[in-house]
Amino acid sequence: KGRFTTSRDSAKNTVYLQMNSLKPEDTAIYYCSTTDVRAIYWGQGTQ
């Protein structure tokens, strides 16, 4: 909270995660997901 911001550009079908003031403990594989009435879907992740 206060460091990361998520947003979506529906025209580009793209979701963003702006990460500021990064810390070593933020090190991870980051996955995006989307949910509809049937299931939750995942990307492959980015390090």
ModelCIF file with pLDDT and N, C-alpha, C, O atoms, coordinates in Angstrom:
data_MODEL
#
_entry.id   MODEL 
#
_entity.id                         1 
_entity.type                       polymer 
_entity.pdbx_number_of_molecules   1 
#
_entity_poly.entity_id                      1 
_entity_poly.type                           'polypeptide(L)' 
_entity_poly.nstd_linkage                   no 
_entity_poly.nstd_monomer                   no 
_entity_poly.pdbx_seq_one_letter_code       KGRFTTSRDSAKNTVYLQMNSLKPEDTAIYYCSTTDVRAIYWGQGTQ 
_entity_poly.pdbx_seq_one_letter_code_can   KGRFTTSRDSAKNTVYLQMNSLKPEDTAIYYCSTTDVRAIYWGQGTQ 
_entity_poly.pdbx_strand_id                 A 
#
loop_
_entity_poly_seq.entity_id 
_entity_poly_seq.num 
_entity_poly_seq.mon_id 
_entity_poly_seq.hetero 
1 1  LYS n 
1 2  GLY n 
1 3  ARG n 
1 4  PHE n 
1 5  THR n 
1 6  THR n 
1 7  SER n 
1 8  ARG n 
1 9  ASP n 
1 10 SER n 
1 11 ALA n 
1 12 LYS n 
1 13 ASN n 
1 14 THR n 
1 15 VAL n 
1 16 TYR n 
1 17 LEU n 
1 18 GLN n 
1 19 MET n 
1 20 ASN n 
1 21 SER n 
1 22 LEU n 
1 23 LYS n 
1 24 PRO n 
1 25 GLU n 
1 26 ASP n 
1 27 THR n 
1 28 ALA n 
1 29 ILE n 
1 30 TYR n 
1 31 TYR n 
1 32 CYS n 
1 33 SER n 
1 34 THR n 
1 35 THR n 
1 36 ASP n 
1 37 VAL n 
1 38 ARG n 
1 39 ALA n 
1 40 ILE n 
1 41 TYR n 
1 42 TRP n 
1 43 GLY n 
1 44 GLN n 
1 45 GLY n 
1 46 THR n 
1 47 GLN n 
#
_struct_asym.id          A 
_struct_asym.entity_id   1 
#
loop_
_ma_qa_metric.id 
_ma_qa_metric.mode 
_ma_qa_metric.name 
_ma_qa_metric.software_group_id 
_ma_qa_metric.type 
1 global pLDDT . pLDDT 
2 local  pLDDT . pLDDT 
#
_ma_qa_metric_global.metric_id      1 
_ma_qa_metric_global.metric_value   95.77 
_ma_qa_metric_global.model_id       1 
_ma_qa_metric_global.ordinal_id     1 
#
loop_
_ma_qa_metric_local.label_asym_id 
_ma_qa_metric_local.label_comp_id 
_ma_qa_metric_local.label_seq_id 
_ma_qa_metric_local.metric_id 
_ma_qa_metric_local.metric_value 
_ma_qa_metric_local.model_id 
_ma_qa_metric_local.ordinal_id 
A LYS 1  2 98.00 1 1  
A GLY 2  2 97.00 1 2  
A ARG 3  2 98.00 1 3  
A PHE 4  2 98.00 1 4  
A THR 5  2 97.00 1 5  
A THR 6  2 96.00 1 6  
A SER 7  2 94.00 1 7  
A ARG 8  2 93.00 1 8  
A ASP 9  2 93.00 1 9  
A SER 10 2 90.00 1 10 
A ALA 11 2 92.00 1 11 
A LYS 12 2 94.00 1 12 
A ASN 13 2 93.00 1 13 
A THR 14 2 95.00 1 14 
A VAL 15 2 96.00 1 15 
A TYR 16 2 97.00 1 16 
A LEU 17 2 98.00 1 17 
A GLN 18 2 98.00 1 18 
A MET 19 2 98.00 1 19 
A ASN 20 2 98.00 1 20 
A SER 21 2 98.00 1 21 
A LEU 22 2 98.00 1 22 
A LYS 23 2 98.00 1 23 
A PRO 24 2 97.00 1 24 
A GLU 25 2 97.00 1 25 
A ASP 26 2 98.00 1 26 
A THR 27 2 98.00 1 27 
A ALA 28 2 98.00 1 28 
A ILE 29 2 98.00 1 29 
A TYR 30 2 98.00 1 30 
A TYR 31 2 98.00 1 31 
A CYS 32 2 97.00 1 32 
A SER 33 2 97.00 1 33 
A THR 34 2 96.00 1 34 
A THR 35 2 94.00 1 35 
A ASP 36 2 91.00 1 36 
A VAL 37 2 88.00 1 37 
A ARG 38 2 87.00 1 38 
A ALA 39 2 92.00 1 39 
A ILE 40 2 94.00 1 40 
A TYR 41 2 96.00 1 41 
A TRP 42 2 96.00 1 42 
A GLY 43 2 96.00 1 43 
A GLN 44 2 96.00 1 44 
A GLY 45 2 97.00 1 45 
A THR 46 2 97.00 1 46 
A GLN 47 2 98.00 1 47 
#
loop_
_atom_site.group_PDB 
_atom_site.id 
_atom_site.type_symbol 
_atom_site.label_atom_id 
_atom_site.label_alt_id 
_atom_site.label_comp_id 
_atom_site.label_asym_id 
_atom_site.label_entity_id 
_atom_site.label_seq_id 
_atom_site.pdbx_PDB_ins_code 
_atom_site.Cartn_x 
_atom_site.Cartn_y 
_atom_site.Cartn_z 
_atom_site.occupancy 
_atom_site.B_iso_or_equiv 
_atom_site.pdbx_formal_charge 
_atom_site.auth_seq_id 
_atom_site.auth_comp_id 
_atom_site.auth_asym_id 
_atom_site.auth_atom_id 
_atom_site.pdbx_PDB_model_num 
ATOM 1   N N  . LYS A 1 1  ? 0.836   -1.205  0.000   1.00 98.00 ? 1  LYS A N  1 
ATOM 2   C CA . LYS A 1 1  ? 0.000   0.000   0.000   1.00 98.00 ? 1  LYS A CA 1 
ATOM 3   C C  . LYS A 1 1  ? 0.866   1.248   0.000   1.00 98.00 ? 1  LYS A C  1 
ATOM 4   O O  . LYS A 1 1  ? 1.838   1.357   0.748   1.00 98.00 ? 1  LYS A O  1 
ATOM 5   N N  . GLY A 1 2  ? 0.491   2.179   -0.852  1.00 97.00 ? 2  GLY A N  1 
ATOM 6   C CA . GLY A 1 2  ? 1.239   3.428   -0.957  1.00 97.00 ? 2  GLY A CA 1 
ATOM 7   C C  . GLY A 1 2  ? 2.431   3.350   -1.882  1.00 97.00 ? 2  GLY A C  1 
ATOM 8   O O  . GLY A 1 2  ? 3.019   4.380   -2.215  1.00 97.00 ? 2  GLY A O  1 
ATOM 9   N N  . ARG A 1 3  ? 2.806   2.152   -2.307  1.00 98.00 ? 3  ARG A N  1 
ATOM 10  C CA . ARG A 1 3  ? 3.952   1.976   -3.201  1.00 98.00 ? 3  ARG A CA 1 
ATOM 11  C C  . ARG A 1 3  ? 3.547   1.417   -4.573  1.00 98.00 ? 3  ARG A C  1 
ATOM 12  O O  . ARG A 1 3  ? 4.137   1.777   -5.591  1.00 98.00 ? 3  ARG A O  1 
ATOM 13  N N  . PHE A 1 4  ? 2.552   0.549   -4.592  1.00 98.00 ? 4  PHE A N  1 
ATOM 14  C CA . PHE A 1 4  ? 2.113   -0.095  -5.825  1.00 98.00 ? 4  PHE A CA 1 
ATOM 15  C C  . PHE A 1 4  ? 0.743   0.442   -6.224  1.00 98.00 ? 4  PHE A C  1 
ATOM 16  O O  . PHE A 1 4  ? -0.090  0.768   -5.378  1.00 98.00 ? 4  PHE A O  1 
ATOM 17  N N  . THR A 1 5  ? 0.535   0.523   -7.535  1.00 97.00 ? 5  THR A N  1 
ATOM 18  C CA . THR A 1 5  ? -0.758  0.943   -8.072  1.00 97.00 ? 5  THR A CA 1 
ATOM 19  C C  . THR A 1 5  ? -1.119  0.056   -9.255  1.00 97.00 ? 5  THR A C  1 
ATOM 20  O O  . THR A 1 5  ? -0.304  -0.154  -10.153 1.00 97.00 ? 5  THR A O  1 
ATOM 21  N N  . THR A 1 6  ? -2.327  -0.458  -9.252  1.00 96.00 ? 6  THR A N  1 
ATOM 22  C CA . THR A 1 6  ? -2.789  -1.269  -10.376 1.00 96.00 ? 6  THR A CA 1 
ATOM 23  C C  . THR A 1 6  ? -3.817  -0.491  -11.173 1.00 96.00 ? 6  THR A C  1 
ATOM 24  O O  . THR A 1 6  ? -4.567  0.317   -10.625 1.00 96.00 ? 6  THR A O  1 
ATOM 25  N N  . SER A 1 7  ? -3.842  -0.744  -12.478 1.00 94.00 ? 7  SER A N  1 
ATOM 26  C CA . SER A 1 7  ? -4.786  -0.047  -13.345 1.00 94.00 ? 7  SER A CA 1 
ATOM 27  C C  . SER A 1 7  ? -5.058  -0.914  -14.565 1.00 94.00 ? 7  SER A C  1 
ATOM 28  O O  . SER A 1 7  ? -4.417  -1.944  -14.774 1.00 94.00 ? 7  SER A O  1 
ATOM 29  N N  . ARG A 1 8  ? -6.013  -0.480  -15.356 1.00 93.00 ? 8  ARG A N  1 
ATOM 30  C CA . ARG A 1 8  ? -6.384  -1.254  -16.547 1.00 93.00 ? 8  ARG A CA 1 
ATOM 31  C C  . ARG A 1 8  ? -6.695  -0.300  -17.681 1.00 93.00 ? 8  ARG A C  1 
ATOM 32  O O  . ARG A 1 8  ? -7.365  0.715   -17.487 1.00 93.00 ? 8  ARG A O  1 
ATOM 33  N N  . ASP A 1 9  ? -6.213  -0.626  -18.850 1.00 93.00 ? 9  ASP A N  1 
ATOM 34  C CA . ASP A 1 9  ? -6.570  0.068   -20.083 1.00 93.00 ? 9  ASP A CA 1 
ATOM 35  C C  . ASP A 1 9  ? -7.431  -0.893  -20.883 1.00 93.00 ? 9  ASP A C  1 
ATOM 36  O O  . ASP A 1 9  ? -6.915  -1.791  -21.548 1.00 93.00 ? 9  ASP A O  1 
ATOM 37  N N  . SER A 1 10 ? -8.736  -0.708  -20.821 1.00 90.00 ? 10 SER A N  1 
ATOM 38  C CA . SER A 1 10 ? -9.645  -1.656  -21.470 1.00 90.00 ? 10 SER A CA 1 
ATOM 39  C C  . SER A 1 10 ? -9.489  -1.640  -22.983 1.00 90.00 ? 10 SER A C  1 
ATOM 40  O O  . SER A 1 10 ? -9.700  -2.665  -23.632 1.00 90.00 ? 10 SER A O  1 
ATOM 41  N N  . ALA A 1 11 ? -9.126  -0.505  -23.555 1.00 92.00 ? 11 ALA A N  1 
ATOM 42  C CA . ALA A 1 11 ? -8.958  -0.422  -25.008 1.00 92.00 ? 11 ALA A CA 1 
ATOM 43  C C  . ALA A 1 11 ? -7.798  -1.287  -25.487 1.00 92.00 ? 11 ALA A C  1 
ATOM 44  O O  . ALA A 1 11 ? -7.802  -1.791  -26.610 1.00 92.00 ? 11 ALA A O  1 
ATOM 45  N N  . LYS A 1 12 ? -6.806  -1.449  -24.615 1.00 94.00 ? 12 LYS A N  1 
ATOM 46  C CA . LYS A 1 12 ? -5.642  -2.260  -24.959 1.00 94.00 ? 12 LYS A CA 1 
ATOM 47  C C  . LYS A 1 12 ? -5.707  -3.651  -24.333 1.00 94.00 ? 12 LYS A C  1 
ATOM 48  O O  . LYS A 1 12 ? -4.787  -4.451  -24.506 1.00 94.00 ? 12 LYS A O  1 
ATOM 49  N N  . ASN A 1 13 ? -6.779  -3.942  -23.613 1.00 93.00 ? 13 ASN A N  1 
ATOM 50  C CA . ASN A 1 13 ? -6.898  -5.226  -22.909 1.00 93.00 ? 13 ASN A CA 1 
ATOM 51  C C  . ASN A 1 13 ? -5.665  -5.495  -22.049 1.00 93.00 ? 13 ASN A C  1 
ATOM 52  O O  . ASN A 1 13 ? -5.169  -6.620  -21.994 1.00 93.00 ? 13 ASN A O  1 
ATOM 53  N N  . THR A 1 14 ? -5.189  -4.474  -21.396 1.00 95.00 ? 14 THR A N  1 
ATOM 54  C CA . THR A 1 14 ? -3.951  -4.577  -20.636 1.00 95.00 ? 14 THR A CA 1 
ATOM 55  C C  . THR A 1 14 ? -4.157  -4.090  -19.205 1.00 95.00 ? 14 THR A C  1 
ATOM 56  O O  . THR A 1 14 ? -4.809  -3.078  -18.950 1.00 95.00 ? 14 THR A O  1 
ATOM 57  N N  . VAL A 1 15 ? -3.580  -4.847  -18.293 1.00 96.00 ? 15 VAL A N  1 
ATOM 58  C CA . VAL A 1 15 ? -3.587  -4.510  -16.876 1.00 96.00 ? 15 VAL A CA 1 
ATOM 59  C C  . VAL A 1 15 ? -2.161  -4.167  -16.476 1.00 96.00 ? 15 VAL A C  1 
ATOM 60  O O  . VAL A 1 15 ? -1.211  -4.795  -16.945 1.00 96.00 ? 15 VAL A O  1 
ATOM 61  N N  . TYR A 1 16 ? -2.013  -3.173  -15.610 1.00 97.00 ? 16 TYR A N  1 
ATOM 62  C CA . TYR A 1 16 ? -0.692  -2.703  -15.216 1.00 97.00 ? 16 TYR A CA 1 
ATOM 63  C C  . TYR A 1 16 ? -0.510  -2.803  -13.706 1.00 97.00 ? 16 TYR A C  1 
ATOM 64  O O  . TYR A 1 16 ? -1.469  -2.752  -12.937 1.00 97.00 ? 16 TYR A O  1 
ATOM 65  N N  . LEU A 1 17 ? 0.741   -2.945  -13.311 1.00 98.00 ? 17 LEU A N  1 
ATOM 66  C CA . LEU A 1 17 ? 1.112   -2.831  -11.907 1.00 98.00 ? 17 LEU A CA 1 
ATOM 67  C C  . LEU A 1 17 ? 2.330   -1.920  -11.844 1.00 98.00 ? 17 LEU A C  1 
ATOM 68  O O  . LEU A 1 17 ? 3.436   -2.315  -12.214 1.00 98.00 ? 17 LEU A O  1 
ATOM 69  N N  . GLN A 1 18 ? 2.114   -0.703  -11.373 1.00 98.00 ? 18 GLN A N  1 
ATOM 70  C CA . GLN A 1 18 ? 3.203   0.242   -11.189 1.00 98.00 ? 18 GLN A CA 1 
ATOM 71  C C  . GLN A 1 18 ? 3.777   0.033   -9.797  1.00 98.00 ? 18 GLN A C  1 
ATOM 72  O O  . GLN A 1 18 ? 3.065   0.133   -8.797  1.00 98.00 ? 18 GLN A O  1 
ATOM 73  N N  . MET A 1 19 ? 5.062   -0.256  -9.743  1.00 98.00 ? 19 MET A N  1 
ATOM 74  C CA . MET A 1 19 ? 5.713   -0.568  -8.470  1.00 98.00 ? 19 MET A CA 1 
ATOM 75  C C  . MET A 1 19 ? 6.798   0.470   -8.209  1.00 98.00 ? 19 MET A C  1 
ATOM 76  O O  . MET A 1 19 ? 7.769   0.567   -8.960  1.00 98.00 ? 19 MET A O  1 
ATOM 77  N N  . ASN A 1 20 ? 6.632   1.233   -7.159  1.00 98.00 ? 20 ASN A N  1 
ATOM 78  C CA . ASN A 1 20 ? 7.593   2.256   -6.773  1.00 98.00 ? 20 ASN A CA 1 
ATOM 79  C C  . ASN A 1 20 ? 8.215   1.918   -5.423  1.00 98.00 ? 20 ASN A C  1 
ATOM 80  O O  . ASN A 1 20 ? 7.700   1.085   -4.678  1.00 98.00 ? 20 ASN A O  1 
ATOM 81  N N  . SER A 1 21 ? 9.325   2.575   -5.123  1.00 98.00 ? 21 SER A N  1 
ATOM 82  C CA . SER A 1 21 ? 10.013  2.368   -3.840  1.00 98.00 ? 21 SER A CA 1 
ATOM 83  C C  . SER A 1 21 ? 10.203  0.884   -3.549  1.00 98.00 ? 21 SER A C  1 
ATOM 84  O O  . SER A 1 21 ? 9.904   0.408   -2.454  1.00 98.00 ? 21 SER A O  1 
ATOM 85  N N  . LEU A 1 22 ? 10.696  0.176   -4.530  1.00 98.00 ? 22 LEU A N  1 
ATOM 86  C CA . LEU A 1 22 ? 10.848  -1.274  -4.391  1.00 98.00 ? 22 LEU A CA 1 
ATOM 87  C C  . LEU A 1 22 ? 11.842  -1.643  -3.304  1.00 98.00 ? 22 LEU A C  1 
ATOM 88  O O  . LEU A 1 22 ? 12.829  -0.945  -3.070  1.00 98.00 ? 22 LEU A O  1 
ATOM 89  N N  . LYS A 1 23 ? 11.554  -2.760  -2.645  1.00 98.00 ? 23 LYS A N  1 
ATOM 90  C CA . LYS A 1 23 ? 12.376  -3.273  -1.563  1.00 98.00 ? 23 LYS A CA 1 
ATOM 91  C C  . LYS A 1 23 ? 12.858  -4.678  -1.922  1.00 98.00 ? 23 LYS A C  1 
ATOM 92  O O  . LYS A 1 23 ? 12.230  -5.356  -2.735  1.00 98.00 ? 23 LYS A O  1 
ATOM 93  N N  . PRO A 1 24 ? 13.953  -5.118  -1.330  1.00 97.00 ? 24 PRO A N  1 
ATOM 94  C CA . PRO A 1 24 ? 14.420  -6.484  -1.611  1.00 97.00 ? 24 PRO A CA 1 
ATOM 95  C C  . PRO A 1 24 ? 13.348  -7.538  -1.325  1.00 97.00 ? 24 PRO A C  1 
ATOM 96  O O  . PRO A 1 24 ? 13.293  -8.563  -2.005  1.00 97.00 ? 24 PRO A O  1 
ATOM 97  N N  . GLU A 1 25 ? 12.512  -7.297  -0.340  1.00 97.00 ? 25 GLU A N  1 
ATOM 98  C CA . GLU A 1 25 ? 11.455  -8.272  -0.028  1.00 97.00 ? 25 GLU A CA 1 
ATOM 99  C C  . GLU A 1 25 ? 10.346  -8.315  -1.069  1.00 97.00 ? 25 GLU A C  1 
ATOM 100 O O  . GLU A 1 25 ? 9.452   -9.157  -0.979  1.00 97.00 ? 25 GLU A O  1 
ATOM 101 N N  . ASP A 1 26 ? 10.386  -7.429  -2.050  1.00 98.00 ? 26 ASP A N  1 
ATOM 102 C CA . ASP A 1 26 ? 9.444   -7.499  -3.172  1.00 98.00 ? 26 ASP A CA 1 
ATOM 103 C C  . ASP A 1 26 ? 9.905   -8.486  -4.237  1.00 98.00 ? 26 ASP A C  1 
ATOM 104 O O  . ASP A 1 26 ? 9.181   -8.750  -5.198  1.00 98.00 ? 26 ASP A O  1 
ATOM 105 N N  . THR A 1 27 ? 11.102  -9.028  -4.070  1.00 98.00 ? 27 THR A N  1 
ATOM 106 C CA . THR A 1 27 ? 11.609  -10.003 -5.031  1.00 98.00 ? 27 THR A CA 1 
ATOM 107 C C  . THR A 1 27 ? 10.696  -11.216 -5.079  1.00 98.00 ? 27 THR A C  1 
ATOM 108 O O  . THR A 1 27 ? 10.416  -11.836 -4.054  1.00 98.00 ? 27 THR A O  1 
ATOM 109 N N  . ALA A 1 28 ? 10.229  -11.552 -6.290  1.00 98.00 ? 28 ALA A N  1 
ATOM 110 C CA . ALA A 1 28 ? 9.284   -12.655 -6.457  1.00 98.00 ? 28 ALA A CA 1 
ATOM 111 C C  . ALA A 1 28 ? 8.975   -12.821 -7.938  1.00 98.00 ? 28 ALA A C  1 
ATOM 112 O O  . ALA A 1 28 ? 9.365   -12.006 -8.774  1.00 98.00 ? 28 ALA A O  1 
ATOM 113 N N  . ILE A 1 29 ? 8.270   -13.890 -8.230  1.00 98.00 ? 29 ILE A N  1 
ATOM 114 C CA . ILE A 1 29 ? 7.642   -14.032 -9.538  1.00 98.00 ? 29 ILE A CA 1 
ATOM 115 C C  . ILE A 1 29 ? 6.245   -13.426 -9.416  1.00 98.00 ? 29 ILE A C  1 
ATOM 116 O O  . ILE A 1 29 ? 5.482   -13.780 -8.517  1.00 98.00 ? 29 ILE A O  1 
ATOM 117 N N  . TYR A 1 30 ? 5.923   -12.524 -10.312 1.00 98.00 ? 30 TYR A N  1 
ATOM 118 C CA . TYR A 1 30 ? 4.642   -11.834 -10.286 1.00 98.00 ? 30 TYR A CA 1 
ATOM 119 C C  . TYR A 1 30 ? 3.734   -12.418 -11.371 1.00 98.00 ? 30 TYR A C  1 
ATOM 120 O O  . TYR A 1 30 ? 4.131   -12.589 -12.523 1.00 98.00 ? 30 TYR A O  1 
ATOM 121 N N  . TYR A 1 31 ? 2.515   -12.711 -10.960 1.00 98.00 ? 31 TYR A N  1 
ATOM 122 C CA . TYR A 1 31 ? 1.528   -13.305 -11.854 1.00 98.00 ? 31 TYR A CA 1 
ATOM 123 C C  . TYR A 1 31 ? 0.316   -12.385 -11.958 1.00 98.00 ? 31 TYR A C  1 
ATOM 124 O O  . TYR A 1 31 ? -0.136  -11.828 -10.958 1.00 98.00 ? 31 TYR A O  1 
ATOM 125 N N  . CYS A 1 32 ? -0.199  -12.232 -13.155 1.00 97.00 ? 32 CYS A N  1 
ATOM 126 C CA . CYS A 1 32 ? -1.484  -11.558 -13.277 1.00 97.00 ? 32 CYS A CA 1 
ATOM 127 C C  . CYS A 1 32 ? -2.571  -12.611 -13.444 1.00 97.00 ? 32 CYS A C  1 
ATOM 128 O O  . CYS A 1 32 ? -2.314  -13.744 -13.849 1.00 97.00 ? 32 CYS A O  1 
ATOM 129 N N  . SER A 1 33 ? -3.784  -12.203 -13.121 1.00 97.00 ? 33 SER A N  1 
ATOM 130 C CA . SER A 1 33 ? -4.918  -13.123 -13.212 1.00 97.00 ? 33 SER A CA 1 
ATOM 131 C C  . SER A 1 33 ? -6.159  -12.356 -13.628 1.00 97.00 ? 33 SER A C  1 
ATOM 132 O O  . SER A 1 33 ? -6.245  -11.137 -13.478 1.00 97.00 ? 33 SER A O  1 
ATOM 133 N N  . THR A 1 34 ? -7.108  -13.097 -14.151 1.00 96.00 ? 34 THR A N  1 
ATOM 134 C CA . THR A 1 34 ? -8.422  -12.546 -14.411 1.00 96.00 ? 34 THR A CA 1 
ATOM 135 C C  . THR A 1 34 ? -9.469  -13.598 -14.078 1.00 96.00 ? 34 THR A C  1 
ATOM 136 O O  . THR A 1 34 ? -9.227  -14.798 -14.207 1.00 96.00 ? 34 THR A O  1 
ATOM 137 N N  . THR A 1 35 ? -10.617 -13.138 -13.654 1.00 94.00 ? 35 THR A N  1 
ATOM 138 C CA . THR A 1 35 ? -11.680 -14.028 -13.198 1.00 94.00 ? 35 THR A CA 1 
ATOM 139 C C  . THR A 1 35 ? -12.960 -13.714 -13.953 1.00 94.00 ? 35 THR A C  1 
ATOM 140 O O  . THR A 1 35 ? -13.355 -12.555 -14.090 1.00 94.00 ? 35 THR A O  1 
ATOM 141 N N  . ASP A 1 36 ? -13.604 -14.776 -14.443 1.00 91.00 ? 36 ASP A N  1 
ATOM 142 C CA . ASP A 1 36 ? -14.954 -14.606 -14.966 1.00 91.00 ? 36 ASP A CA 1 
ATOM 143 C C  . ASP A 1 36 ? -15.877 -15.552 -14.208 1.00 91.00 ? 36 ASP A C  1 
ATOM 144 O O  . ASP A 1 36 ? -15.490 -16.089 -13.170 1.00 91.00 ? 36 ASP A O  1 
ATOM 145 N N  . VAL A 1 37 ? -17.072 -15.760 -14.704 1.00 88.00 ? 37 VAL A N  1 
ATOM 146 C CA . VAL A 1 37 ? -18.035 -16.568 -13.945 1.00 88.00 ? 37 VAL A CA 1 
ATOM 147 C C  . VAL A 1 37 ? -17.644 -18.045 -13.902 1.00 88.00 ? 37 VAL A C  1 
ATOM 148 O O  . VAL A 1 37 ? -18.183 -18.814 -13.106 1.00 88.00 ? 37 VAL A O  1 
ATOM 149 N N  . ARG A 1 38 ? -16.709 -18.433 -14.758 1.00 87.00 ? 38 ARG A N  1 
ATOM 150 C CA . ARG A 1 38 ? -16.366 -19.844 -14.825 1.00 87.00 ? 38 ARG A CA 1 
ATOM 151 C C  . ARG A 1 38 ? -15.104 -20.195 -14.034 1.00 87.00 ? 38 ARG A C  1 
ATOM 152 O O  . ARG A 1 38 ? -15.047 -21.239 -13.384 1.00 87.00 ? 38 ARG A O  1 
ATOM 153 N N  . ALA A 1 39 ? -14.104 -19.334 -14.090 1.00 92.00 ? 39 ALA A N  1 
ATOM 154 C CA . ALA A 1 39 ? -12.819 -19.733 -13.526 1.00 92.00 ? 39 ALA A CA 1 
ATOM 155 C C  . ALA A 1 39 ? -11.931 -18.513 -13.312 1.00 92.00 ? 39 ALA A C  1 
ATOM 156 O O  . ALA A 1 39 ? -12.268 -17.395 -13.700 1.00 92.00 ? 39 ALA A O  1 
ATOM 157 N N  . ILE A 1 40 ? -10.790 -18.766 -12.684 1.00 94.00 ? 40 ILE A N  1 
ATOM 158 C CA . ILE A 1 40 ? -9.722  -17.785 -12.591 1.00 94.00 ? 40 ILE A CA 1 
ATOM 159 C C  . ILE A 1 40 ? -8.600  -18.257 -13.509 1.00 94.00 ? 40 ILE A C  1 
ATOM 160 O O  . ILE A 1 40 ? -8.275  -19.443 -13.549 1.00 94.00 ? 40 ILE A O  1 
ATOM 161 N N  . TYR A 1 41 ? -8.019  -17.325 -14.237 1.00 96.00 ? 41 TYR A N  1 
ATOM 162 C CA . TYR A 1 41 ? -7.002  -17.648 -15.229 1.00 96.00 ? 41 TYR A CA 1 
ATOM 163 C C  . TYR A 1 41 ? -5.700  -16.935 -14.846 1.00 96.00 ? 41 TYR A C  1 
ATOM 164 O O  . TYR A 1 41 ? -5.713  -15.852 -14.261 1.00 96.00 ? 41 TYR A O  1 
ATOM 165 N N  . TRP A 1 42 ? -4.578  -17.574 -15.192 1.00 96.00 ? 42 TRP A N  1 
ATOM 166 C CA . TRP A 1 42 ? -3.275  -17.064 -14.770 1.00 96.00 ? 42 TRP A CA 1 
ATOM 167 C C  . TRP A 1 42 ? -2.333  -16.897 -15.954 1.00 96.00 ? 42 TRP A C  1 
ATOM 168 O O  . TRP A 1 42 ? -2.403  -17.629 -16.941 1.00 96.00 ? 42 TRP A O  1 
ATOM 169 N N  . GLY A 1 43 ? -1.449  -15.910 -15.826 1.00 96.00 ? 43 GLY A N  1 
ATOM 170 C CA . GLY A 1 43 ? -0.350  -15.782 -16.757 1.00 96.00 ? 43 GLY A CA 1 
ATOM 171 C C  . GLY A 1 43 ? 0.803   -16.669 -16.323 1.00 96.00 ? 43 GLY A C  1 
ATOM 172 O O  . GLY A 1 43 ? 0.718   -17.382 -15.323 1.00 96.00 ? 43 GLY A O  1 
ATOM 173 N N  . GLN A 1 44 ? 1.890   -16.614 -17.098 1.00 96.00 ? 44 GLN A N  1 
ATOM 174 C CA . GLN A 1 44 ? 3.026   -17.491 -16.825 1.00 96.00 ? 44 GLN A CA 1 
ATOM 175 C C  . GLN A 1 44 ? 3.966   -16.911 -15.785 1.00 96.00 ? 44 GLN A C  1 
ATOM 176 O O  . GLN A 1 44 ? 4.817   -17.622 -15.250 1.00 96.00 ? 44 GLN A O  1 
ATOM 177 N N  . GLY A 1 45 ? 3.818   -15.619 -15.491 1.00 97.00 ? 45 GLY A N  1 
ATOM 178 C CA . GLY A 1 45 ? 4.643   -14.987 -14.474 1.00 97.00 ? 45 GLY A CA 1 
ATOM 179 C C  . GLY A 1 45 ? 5.827   -14.246 -15.062 1.00 97.00 ? 45 GLY A C  1 
ATOM 180 O O  . GLY A 1 45 ? 6.323   -14.581 -16.138 1.00 97.00 ? 45 GLY A O  1 
ATOM 181 N N  . THR A 1 46 ? 6.273   -13.226 -14.330 1.00 97.00 ? 46 THR A N  1 
ATOM 182 C CA . THR A 1 46 ? 7.460   -12.477 -14.714 1.00 97.00 ? 46 THR A CA 1 
ATOM 183 C C  . THR A 1 46 ? 8.289   -12.222 -13.446 1.00 97.00 ? 46 THR A C  1 
ATOM 184 O O  . THR A 1 46 ? 7.752   -11.858 -12.399 1.00 97.00 ? 46 THR A O  1 
ATOM 185 N N  . GLN A 1 47 ? 9.583   -12.419 -13.564 1.00 98.00 ? 47 GLN A N  1 
ATOM 186 C CA . GLN A 1 47 ? 10.469  -12.320 -12.406 1.00 98.00 ? 47 GLN A CA 1 
ATOM 187 C C  . GLN A 1 47 ? 10.815  -10.864 -12.106 1.00 98.00 ? 47 GLN A C  1 
ATOM 188 O O  . GLN A 1 47 ? 11.553  -10.586 -11.161 1.00 98.00 ? 47 GLN A O  1 
#
